[in-house]
Amino acid sequence: MATKFSLGQTVMTRNAASVLPGSAVQTALRRHAAGDWGEVSPEDAAENELSLRKGFRLLSVYRAGDTKFWVITEADRSATTVLLPEDY
């Protein structure tokens, strides 16, 4: 998968690290960087496409089993955070 943007420094909340398998996180990061936004709504996917072009924040939603988690890349592409929705 070709990447569309830099993830910057990748970090994960302690809560997410305690429940998410590393393989699911790595797959999600690859998908996110390739512009596969996961389970976002069509409106959020369109917003991500605009954000990709304009340099705004990017949000993807994935699952590891029944656990939903988010991947957020900052507008300046300096950092990407993996977190659970309740960590936000």
PDB file of N, CA and C in Angstrom:
ATOM      1  N   MET A   1       0.830  -1.186   0.000  1.00  0.00           N
ATOM      2  CA  MET A   1       0.000   0.000   0.000  1.00  0.00           C
ATOM      3  C   MET A   1       0.875   1.250   0.000  1.00  0.00           C
ATOM      4  N   ALA A   2       0.650   2.119  -0.940  1.00  0.00           N
ATOM      5  CA  ALA A   2       1.398   3.372  -0.994  1.00  0.00           C
ATOM      6  C   ALA A   2       0.850   4.342   0.052  1.00  0.00           C
ATOM      7  N   THR A   3       1.743   5.088   0.679  1.00  0.00           N
ATOM      8  CA  THR A   3       1.300   6.056   1.678  1.00  0.00           C
ATOM      9  C   THR A   3       0.992   7.395   1.017  1.00  0.00           C
ATOM     10  N   LYS A   4       0.001   8.097   1.556  1.00  0.00           N
ATOM     11  CA  LYS A   4      -0.415   9.402   1.041  1.00  0.00           C
ATOM     12  C   LYS A   4       0.115  10.550   1.876  1.00  0.00           C
ATOM     13  N   PHE A   5       0.596  10.241   3.092  1.00  0.00           N
ATOM     14  CA  PHE A   5       1.096  11.282   3.982  1.00  0.00           C
ATOM     15  C   PHE A   5       1.956  10.640   5.057  1.00  0.00           C
ATOM     16  N   SER A   6       2.746  11.472   5.725  1.00  0.00           N
ATOM     17  CA  SER A   6       3.596  11.013   6.818  1.00  0.00           C
ATOM     18  C   SER A   6       2.786  10.929   8.109  1.00  0.00           C
ATOM     19  N   LEU A   7       3.033   9.888   8.874  1.00  0.00           N
ATOM     20  CA  LEU A   7       2.373   9.735  10.172  1.00  0.00           C
ATOM     21  C   LEU A   7       3.055  10.545  11.262  1.00  0.00           C
ATOM     22  N   GLY A   8       4.287  10.980  11.028  1.00  0.00           N
ATOM     23  CA  GLY A   8       5.042  11.645  12.082  1.00  0.00           C
ATOM     24  C   GLY A   8       5.356  10.652  13.190  1.00  0.00           C
ATOM     25  N   GLN A   9       5.473  11.135  14.403  1.00  0.00           N
ATOM     26  CA  GLN A   9       5.704  10.256  15.551  1.00  0.00           C
ATOM     27  C   GLN A   9       4.407   9.527  15.862  1.00  0.00           C
ATOM     28  N   THR A  10       4.457   8.209  16.000  1.00  0.00           N
ATOM     29  CA  THR A  10       3.248   7.455  16.333  1.00  0.00           C
ATOM     30  C   THR A  10       3.245   7.148  17.824  1.00  0.00           C
ATOM     31  N   VAL A  11       2.113   7.426  18.441  1.00  0.00           N
ATOM     32  CA  VAL A  11       1.935   7.193  19.878  1.00  0.00           C
ATOM     33  C   VAL A  11       0.587   6.510  20.098  1.00  0.00           C
ATOM     34  N   MET A  12       0.429   5.912  21.263  1.00  0.00           N
ATOM     35  CA  MET A  12      -0.809   5.219  21.609  1.00  0.00           C
ATOM     36  C   MET A  12      -1.129   5.498  23.062  1.00  0.00           C
ATOM     37  N   THR A  13      -2.398   5.702  23.347  1.00  0.00           N
ATOM     38  CA  THR A  13      -2.782   5.899  24.736  1.00  0.00           C
ATOM     39  C   THR A  13      -2.538   4.606  25.516  1.00  0.00           C
ATOM     40  N   ARG A  14      -2.344   4.739  26.789  1.00  0.00           N
ATOM     41  CA  ARG A  14      -2.117   3.577  27.648  1.00  0.00           C
ATOM     42  C   ARG A  14      -3.308   2.616  27.593  1.00  0.00           C
ATOM     43  N   ASN A  15      -4.507   3.177  27.591  1.00  0.00           N
ATOM     44  CA  ASN A  15      -5.725   2.379  27.539  1.00  0.00           C
ATOM     45  C   ASN A  15      -5.764   1.553  26.251  1.00  0.00           C
ATOM     46  N   ALA A  16      -5.493   2.196  25.107  1.00  0.00           N
ATOM     47  CA  ALA A  16      -5.493   1.487  23.829  1.00  0.00           C
ATOM     48  C   ALA A  16      -4.417   0.402  23.815  1.00  0.00           C
ATOM     49  N   ALA A  17      -3.244   0.722  24.318  1.00  0.00           N
ATOM     50  CA  ALA A  17      -2.146  -0.251  24.335  1.00  0.00           C
ATOM     51  C   ALA A  17      -2.489  -1.474  25.180  1.00  0.00           C
ATOM     52  N   SER A  18      -3.341  -1.292  26.173  1.00  0.00           N
ATOM     53  CA  SER A  18      -3.677  -2.412  27.064  1.00  0.00           C
ATOM     54  C   SER A  18      -4.678  -3.379  26.451  1.00  0.00           C
ATOM     55  N   VAL A  19      -5.407  -2.950  25.409  1.00  0.00           N
ATOM     56  CA  VAL A  19      -6.445  -3.823  24.850  1.00  0.00           C
ATOM     57  C   VAL A  19      -6.278  -4.164  23.373  1.00  0.00           C
ATOM     58  N   LEU A  20      -5.513  -3.390  22.635  1.00  0.00           N
ATOM     59  CA  LEU A  20      -5.401  -3.628  21.192  1.00  0.00           C
ATOM     60  C   LEU A  20      -4.199  -4.498  20.857  1.00  0.00           C
ATOM     61  N   PRO A  21      -4.398  -5.510  20.009  1.00  0.00           N
ATOM     62  CA  PRO A  21      -3.258  -6.306  19.562  1.00  0.00           C
ATOM     63  C   PRO A  21      -2.352  -5.471  18.655  1.00  0.00           C
ATOM     64  N   GLY A  22      -1.066  -5.636  18.816  1.00  0.00           N
ATOM     65  CA  GLY A  22      -0.103  -4.887  18.011  1.00  0.00           C
ATOM     66  C   GLY A  22      -0.315  -5.063  16.518  1.00  0.00           C
ATOM     67  N   SER A  23      -0.692  -6.259  16.100  1.00  0.00           N
ATOM     68  CA  SER A  23      -0.898  -6.502  14.666  1.00  0.00           C
ATOM     69  C   SER A  23      -2.058  -5.673  14.127  1.00  0.00           C
ATOM     70  N   ALA A  24      -3.120  -5.511  14.911  1.00  0.00           N
ATOM     71  CA  ALA A  24      -4.261  -4.696  14.479  1.00  0.00           C
ATOM     72  C   ALA A  24      -3.862  -3.234  14.377  1.00  0.00           C
ATOM     73  N   VAL A  25      -3.042  -2.771  15.295  1.00  0.00           N
ATOM     74  CA  VAL A  25      -2.585  -1.383  15.284  1.00  0.00           C
ATOM     75  C   VAL A  25      -1.702  -1.140  14.057  1.00  0.00           C
ATOM     76  N   GLN A  26      -0.776  -2.045  13.785  1.00  0.00           N
ATOM     77  CA  GLN A  26       0.111  -1.881  12.628  1.00  0.00           C
ATOM     78  C   GLN A  26      -0.678  -1.878  11.322  1.00  0.00           C
ATOM     79  N   THR A  27      -1.648  -2.767  11.206  1.00  0.00           N
ATOM     80  CA  THR A  27      -2.490  -2.808  10.008  1.00  0.00           C
ATOM     81  C   THR A  27      -3.267  -1.503   9.865  1.00  0.00           C
ATOM     82  N   ALA A  28      -3.837  -1.022  10.973  1.00  0.00           N
ATOM     83  CA  ALA A  28      -4.598   0.232  10.948  1.00  0.00           C
ATOM     84  C   ALA A  28      -3.713   1.404  10.540  1.00  0.00           C
ATOM     85  N   LEU A  29      -2.508   1.470  11.052  1.00  0.00           N
ATOM     86  CA  LEU A  29      -1.600   2.566  10.696  1.00  0.00           C
ATOM     87  C   LEU A  29      -1.266   2.542   9.211  1.00  0.00           C
ATOM     88  N   ARG A  30      -1.044   1.351   8.660  1.00  0.00           N
ATOM     89  CA  ARG A  30      -0.771   1.240   7.226  1.00  0.00           C
ATOM     90  C   ARG A  30      -1.986   1.683   6.405  1.00  0.00           C
ATOM     91  N   ARG A  31      -3.164   1.236   6.813  1.00  0.00           N
ATOM     92  CA  ARG A  31      -4.390   1.624   6.104  1.00  0.00           C
ATOM     93  C   ARG A  31      -4.612   3.136   6.184  1.00  0.00           C
ATOM     94  N   HIS A  32      -4.449   3.689   7.363  1.00  0.00           N
ATOM     95  CA  HIS A  32      -4.636   5.128   7.586  1.00  0.00           C
ATOM     96  C   HIS A  32      -3.700   5.929   6.680  1.00  0.00           C
ATOM     97  N   ALA A  33      -2.426   5.578   6.664  1.00  0.00           N
ATOM     98  CA  ALA A  33      -1.440   6.304   5.854  1.00  0.00           C
ATOM     99  C   ALA A  33      -1.717   6.170   4.357  1.00  0.00           C
ATOM    100  N   ALA A  34      -2.404   5.097   3.962  1.00  0.00           N
ATOM    101  CA  ALA A  34      -2.739   4.878   2.556  1.00  0.00           C
ATOM    102  C   ALA A  34      -4.051   5.558   2.163  1.00  0.00           C
ATOM    103  N   GLY A  35      -4.729   6.185   3.132  1.00  0.00           N
ATOM    104  CA  GLY A  35      -5.984   6.861   2.831  1.00  0.00           C
ATOM    105  C   GLY A  35      -7.201   5.966   2.905  1.00  0.00           C
ATOM    106  N   ASP A  36      -7.065   4.805   3.535  1.00  0.00           N
ATOM    107  CA  ASP A  36      -8.207   3.920   3.811  1.00  0.00           C
ATOM    108  C   ASP A  36      -8.687   4.296   5.208  1.00  0.00           C
ATOM    109  N   TRP A  37      -9.766   5.038   5.273  1.00  0.00           N
ATOM    110  CA  TRP A  37     -10.217   5.641   6.531  1.00  0.00           C
ATOM    111  C   TRP A  37     -11.025   4.695   7.407  1.00  0.00           C
ATOM    112  N   GLY A  38     -11.194   3.459   6.992  1.00  0.00           N
ATOM    113  CA  GLY A  38     -11.888   2.484   7.831  1.00  0.00           C
ATOM    114  C   GLY A  38     -13.383   2.732   7.889  1.00  0.00           C
ATOM    115  N   GLU A  39     -13.930   2.724   9.088  1.00  0.00           N
ATOM    116  CA  GLU A  39     -15.378   2.767   9.307  1.00  0.00           C
ATOM    117  C   GLU A  39     -15.937   4.168   9.532  1.00  0.00           C
ATOM    118  N   VAL A  40     -15.340   5.188   8.936  1.00  0.00           N
ATOM    119  CA  VAL A  40     -15.901   6.531   9.072  1.00  0.00           C
ATOM    120  C   VAL A  40     -17.126   6.661   8.163  1.00  0.00           C
ATOM    121  N   SER A  41     -17.973   7.629   8.464  1.00  0.00           N
ATOM    122  CA  SER A  41     -19.146   7.887   7.629  1.00  0.00           C
ATOM    123  C   SER A  41     -18.687   8.438   6.280  1.00  0.00           C
ATOM    124  N   PRO A  42     -19.560   8.385   5.274  1.00  0.00           N
ATOM    125  CA  PRO A  42     -19.197   8.987   3.983  1.00  0.00           C
ATOM    126  C   PRO A  42     -18.837  10.475   4.110  1.00  0.00           C
ATOM    127  N   GLU A  43     -19.522  11.182   4.989  1.00  0.00           N
ATOM    128  CA  GLU A  43     -19.225  12.602   5.204  1.00  0.00           C
ATOM    129  C   GLU A  43     -17.833  12.785   5.803  1.00  0.00           C
ATOM    130  N   ASP A  44     -17.485  11.939   6.778  1.00  0.00           N
ATOM    131  CA  ASP A  44     -16.158  12.026   7.389  1.00  0.00           C
ATOM    132  C   ASP A  44     -15.070  11.612   6.407  1.00  0.00           C
ATOM    133  N   ALA A  45     -15.363  10.644   5.541  1.00  0.00           N
ATOM    134  CA  ALA A  45     -14.386  10.243   4.519  1.00  0.00           C
ATOM    135  C   ALA A  45     -14.125  11.408   3.563  1.00  0.00           C
ATOM    136  N   ALA A  46     -15.192  12.105   3.167  1.00  0.00           N
ATOM    137  CA  ALA A  46     -15.035  13.273   2.293  1.00  0.00           C
ATOM    138  C   ALA A  46     -14.251  14.374   3.002  1.00  0.00           C
ATOM    139  N   GLU A  47     -14.509  14.548   4.290  1.00  0.00           N
ATOM    140  CA  GLU A  47     -13.770  15.543   5.076  1.00  0.00           C
ATOM    141  C   GLU A  47     -12.288  15.175   5.146  1.00  0.00           C
ATOM    142  N   ASN A  48     -11.987  13.887   5.312  1.00  0.00           N
ATOM    143  CA  ASN A  48     -10.590  13.441   5.324  1.00  0.00           C
ATOM    144  C   ASN A  48      -9.910  13.722   3.987  1.00  0.00           C
ATOM    145  N   GLU A  49     -10.619  13.500   2.887  1.00  0.00           N
ATOM    146  CA  GLU A  49     -10.033  13.771   1.570  1.00  0.00           C
ATOM    147  C   GLU A  49      -9.719  15.257   1.426  1.00  0.00           C
ATOM    148  N   LEU A  50     -10.618  16.115   1.879  1.00  0.00           N
ATOM    149  CA  LEU A  50     -10.359  17.551   1.880  1.00  0.00           C
ATOM    150  C   LEU A  50      -9.177  17.875   2.795  1.00  0.00           C
ATOM    151  N   SER A  51      -9.176  17.285   3.988  1.00  0.00           N
ATOM    152  CA  SER A  51      -8.108  17.524   4.960  1.00  0.00           C
ATOM    153  C   SER A  51      -6.757  17.076   4.440  1.00  0.00           C
ATOM    154  N   LEU A  52      -6.754  16.003   3.667  1.00  0.00           N
ATOM    155  CA  LEU A  52      -5.516  15.506   3.067  1.00  0.00           C
ATOM    156  C   LEU A  52      -4.949  16.551   2.103  1.00  0.00           C
ATOM    157  N   ARG A  53      -5.810  17.152   1.314  1.00  0.00           N
ATOM    158  CA  ARG A  53      -5.369  18.165   0.343  1.00  0.00           C
ATOM    159  C   ARG A  53      -4.997  19.487   1.004  1.00  0.00           C
ATOM    160  N   LYS A  54      -5.743  19.860   2.049  1.00  0.00           N
ATOM    161  CA  LYS A  54      -5.569  21.175   2.670  1.00  0.00           C
ATOM    162  C   LYS A  54      -4.656  21.179   3.892  1.00  0.00           C
ATOM    163  N   GLY A  55      -4.248  19.996   4.356  1.00  0.00           N
ATOM    164  CA  GLY A  55      -3.355  19.933   5.503  1.00  0.00           C
ATOM    165  C   GLY A  55      -4.051  20.073   6.842  1.00  0.00           C
ATOM    166  N   PHE A  56      -5.252  19.490   6.955  1.00  0.00           N
ATOM    167  CA  PHE A  56      -5.972  19.487   8.229  1.00  0.00           C
ATOM    168  C   PHE A  56      -5.823  18.127   8.906  1.00  0.00           C
ATOM    169  N   ARG A  57      -6.380  18.003  10.098  1.00  0.00           N
ATOM    170  CA  ARG A  57      -6.310  16.763  10.879  1.00  0.00           C
ATOM    171  C   ARG A  57      -7.073  15.635  10.188  1.00  0.00           C
ATOM    172  N   LEU A  58      -6.576  14.405  10.330  1.00  0.00           N
ATOM    173  CA  LEU A  58      -7.171  13.222   9.714  1.00  0.00           C
ATOM    174  C   LEU A  58      -7.615  12.237  10.785  1.00  0.00           C
ATOM    175  N   LEU A  59      -8.793  11.646  10.590  1.00  0.00           N
ATOM    176  CA  LEU A  59      -9.346  10.689  11.547  1.00  0.00           C
ATOM    177  C   LEU A  59      -9.800   9.435  10.822  1.00  0.00           C
ATOM    178  N   SER A  60      -9.355   8.285  11.301  1.00  0.00           N
ATOM    179  CA  SER A  60      -9.820   6.992  10.802  1.00  0.00           C
ATOM    180  C   SER A  60     -10.390   6.195  11.961  1.00  0.00           C
ATOM    181  N   VAL A  61     -11.279   5.262  11.637  1.00  0.00           N
ATOM    182  CA  VAL A  61     -11.913   4.414  12.635  1.00  0.00           C
ATOM    183  C   VAL A  61     -11.751   2.952  12.204  1.00  0.00           C
ATOM    184  N   TYR A  62     -11.251   2.134  13.108  1.00  0.00           N
ATOM    185  CA  TYR A  62     -11.034   0.714  12.827  1.00  0.00           C
ATOM    186  C   TYR A  62     -11.560  -0.121  13.986  1.00  0.00           C
ATOM    187  N   ARG A  63     -11.524  -1.430  13.802  1.00  0.00           N
ATOM    188  CA  ARG A  63     -11.915  -2.371  14.860  1.00  0.00           C
ATOM    189  C   ARG A  63     -10.862  -3.459  14.996  1.00  0.00           C
ATOM    190  N   ALA A  64     -10.697  -3.881  16.230  1.00  0.00           N
ATOM    191  CA  ALA A  64      -9.938  -5.089  16.556  1.00  0.00           C
ATOM    192  C   ALA A  64     -10.933  -5.970  17.297  1.00  0.00           C
ATOM    193  N   GLY A  65     -11.507  -6.941  16.598  1.00  0.00           N
ATOM    194  CA  GLY A  65     -12.606  -7.704  17.184  1.00  0.00           C
ATOM    195  C   GLY A  65     -13.785  -6.774  17.398  1.00  0.00           C
ATOM    196  N   ASP A  66     -14.292  -6.716  18.628  1.00  0.00           N
ATOM    197  CA  ASP A  66     -15.422  -5.838  18.958  1.00  0.00           C
ATOM    198  C   ASP A  66     -14.977  -4.460  19.444  1.00  0.00           C
ATOM    199  N   THR A  67     -13.676  -4.246  19.517  1.00  0.00           N
ATOM    200  CA  THR A  67     -13.157  -2.988  20.056  1.00  0.00           C
ATOM    201  C   THR A  67     -12.916  -1.980  18.948  1.00  0.00           C
ATOM    202  N   LYS A  68     -13.664  -0.882  18.998  1.00  0.00           N
ATOM    203  CA  LYS A  68     -13.483   0.211  18.039  1.00  0.00           C
ATOM    204  C   LYS A  68     -12.342   1.090  18.527  1.00  0.00           C
ATOM    205  N   PHE A  69     -11.492   1.515  17.583  1.00  0.00           N
ATOM    206  CA  PHE A  69     -10.438   2.458  17.953  1.00  0.00           C
ATOM    207  C   PHE A  69     -10.220   3.473  16.839  1.00  0.00           C
ATOM    208  N   TRP A  70      -9.620   4.577  17.217  1.00  0.00           N
ATOM    209  CA  TRP A  70      -9.392   5.696  16.301  1.00  0.00           C
ATOM    210  C   TRP A  70      -7.906   5.862  16.042  1.00  0.00           C
ATOM    211  N   VAL A  71      -7.600   6.382  14.861  1.00  0.00           N
ATOM    212  CA  VAL A  71      -6.250   6.815  14.514  1.00  0.00           C
ATOM    213  C   VAL A  71      -6.386   8.261  14.044  1.00  0.00           C
ATOM    214  N   ILE A  72      -5.678   9.163  14.707  1.00  0.00           N
ATOM    215  CA  ILE A  72      -5.754  10.596  14.400  1.00  0.00           C
ATOM    216  C   ILE A  72      -4.362  11.119  14.088  1.00  0.00           C
ATOM    217  N   THR A  73      -4.233  11.750  12.917  1.00  0.00           N
ATOM    218  CA  THR A  73      -2.983  12.406  12.544  1.00  0.00           C
ATOM    219  C   THR A  73      -3.194  13.907  12.616  1.00  0.00           C
ATOM    220  N   GLU A  74      -2.272  14.573  13.285  1.00  0.00           N
ATOM    221  CA  GLU A  74      -2.367  16.021  13.468  1.00  0.00           C
ATOM    222  C   GLU A  74      -2.210  16.750  12.132  1.00  0.00           C
ATOM    223  N   ALA A  75      -2.746  17.950  12.068  1.00  0.00           N
ATOM    224  CA  ALA A  75      -2.734  18.740  10.833  1.00  0.00           C
ATOM    225  C   ALA A  75      -1.330  18.948  10.278  1.00  0.00           C
ATOM    226  N   ASP A  76      -0.364  19.147  11.156  1.00  0.00           N
ATOM    227  CA  ASP A  76       1.006  19.381  10.679  1.00  0.00           C
ATOM    228  C   ASP A  76       1.765  18.082  10.408  1.00  0.00           C
ATOM    229  N   ARG A  77       1.066  16.942  10.564  1.00  0.00           N
ATOM    230  CA  ARG A  77       1.622  15.596  10.309  1.00  0.00           C
ATOM    231  C   ARG A  77       2.807  15.264  11.217  1.00  0.00           C
ATOM    232  N   SER A  78       2.879  15.943  12.359  1.00  0.00           N
ATOM    233  CA  SER A  78       3.977  15.703  13.297  1.00  0.00           C
ATOM    234  C   SER A  78       3.748  14.469  14.153  1.00  0.00           C
ATOM    235  N   ALA A  79       2.490  14.074  14.329  1.00  0.00           N
ATOM    236  CA  ALA A  79       2.185  12.950  15.214  1.00  0.00           C
ATOM    237  C   ALA A  79       0.877  12.287  14.812  1.00  0.00           C
ATOM    238  N   THR A  80       0.842  10.979  15.058  1.00  0.00           N
ATOM    239  CA  THR A  80      -0.371  10.184  14.870  1.00  0.00           C
ATOM    240  C   THR A  80      -0.621   9.434  16.161  1.00  0.00           C
ATOM    241  N   THR A  81      -1.854   9.498  16.648  1.00  0.00           N
ATOM    242  CA  THR A  81      -2.227   8.876  17.911  1.00  0.00           C
ATOM    243  C   THR A  81      -3.243   7.769  17.675  1.00  0.00           C
ATOM    244  N   VAL A  82      -3.013   6.623  18.315  1.00  0.00           N
ATOM    245  CA  VAL A  82      -3.970   5.523  18.332  1.00  0.00           C
ATOM    246  C   VAL A  82      -4.644   5.575  19.687  1.00  0.00           C
ATOM    247  N   LEU A  83      -5.983   5.602  19.683  1.00  0.00           N
ATOM    248  CA  LEU A  83      -6.709   5.719  20.944  1.00  0.00           C
ATOM    249  C   LEU A  83      -8.080   5.083  20.831  1.00  0.00           C
ATOM    250  N   LEU A  84      -8.646   4.803  21.991  1.00  0.00           N
ATOM    251  CA  LEU A  84     -10.023   4.346  22.046  1.00  0.00           C
ATOM    252  C   LEU A  84     -10.924   5.581  22.127  1.00  0.00           C
ATOM    253  N   PRO A  85     -12.162   5.489  21.640  1.00  0.00           N
ATOM    254  CA  PRO A  85     -13.034   6.664  21.688  1.00  0.00           C
ATOM    255  C   PRO A  85     -13.155   7.271  23.088  1.00  0.00           C
ATOM    256  N   GLU A  86     -13.179   6.438  24.107  1.00  0.00           N
ATOM    257  CA  GLU A  86     -13.309   6.969  25.471  1.00  0.00           C
ATOM    258  C   GLU A  86     -12.042   7.672  25.965  1.00  0.00           C
ATOM    259  N   ASP A  87     -10.930   7.539  25.236  1.00  0.00           N
ATOM    260  CA  ASP A  87      -9.693   8.233  25.597  1.00  0.00           C
ATOM    261  C   ASP A  87      -9.658   9.673  25.102  1.00  0.00           C
ATOM    262  N   TYR A  88     -10.600  10.019  24.216  1.00  0.00           N
ATOM    263  CA  TYR A  88     -10.579  11.341  23.584  1.00  0.00           C
ATOM    264  C   TYR A  88     -10.988  12.425  24.553  1.00  0.00           C
TER     265      TYR A  88
END
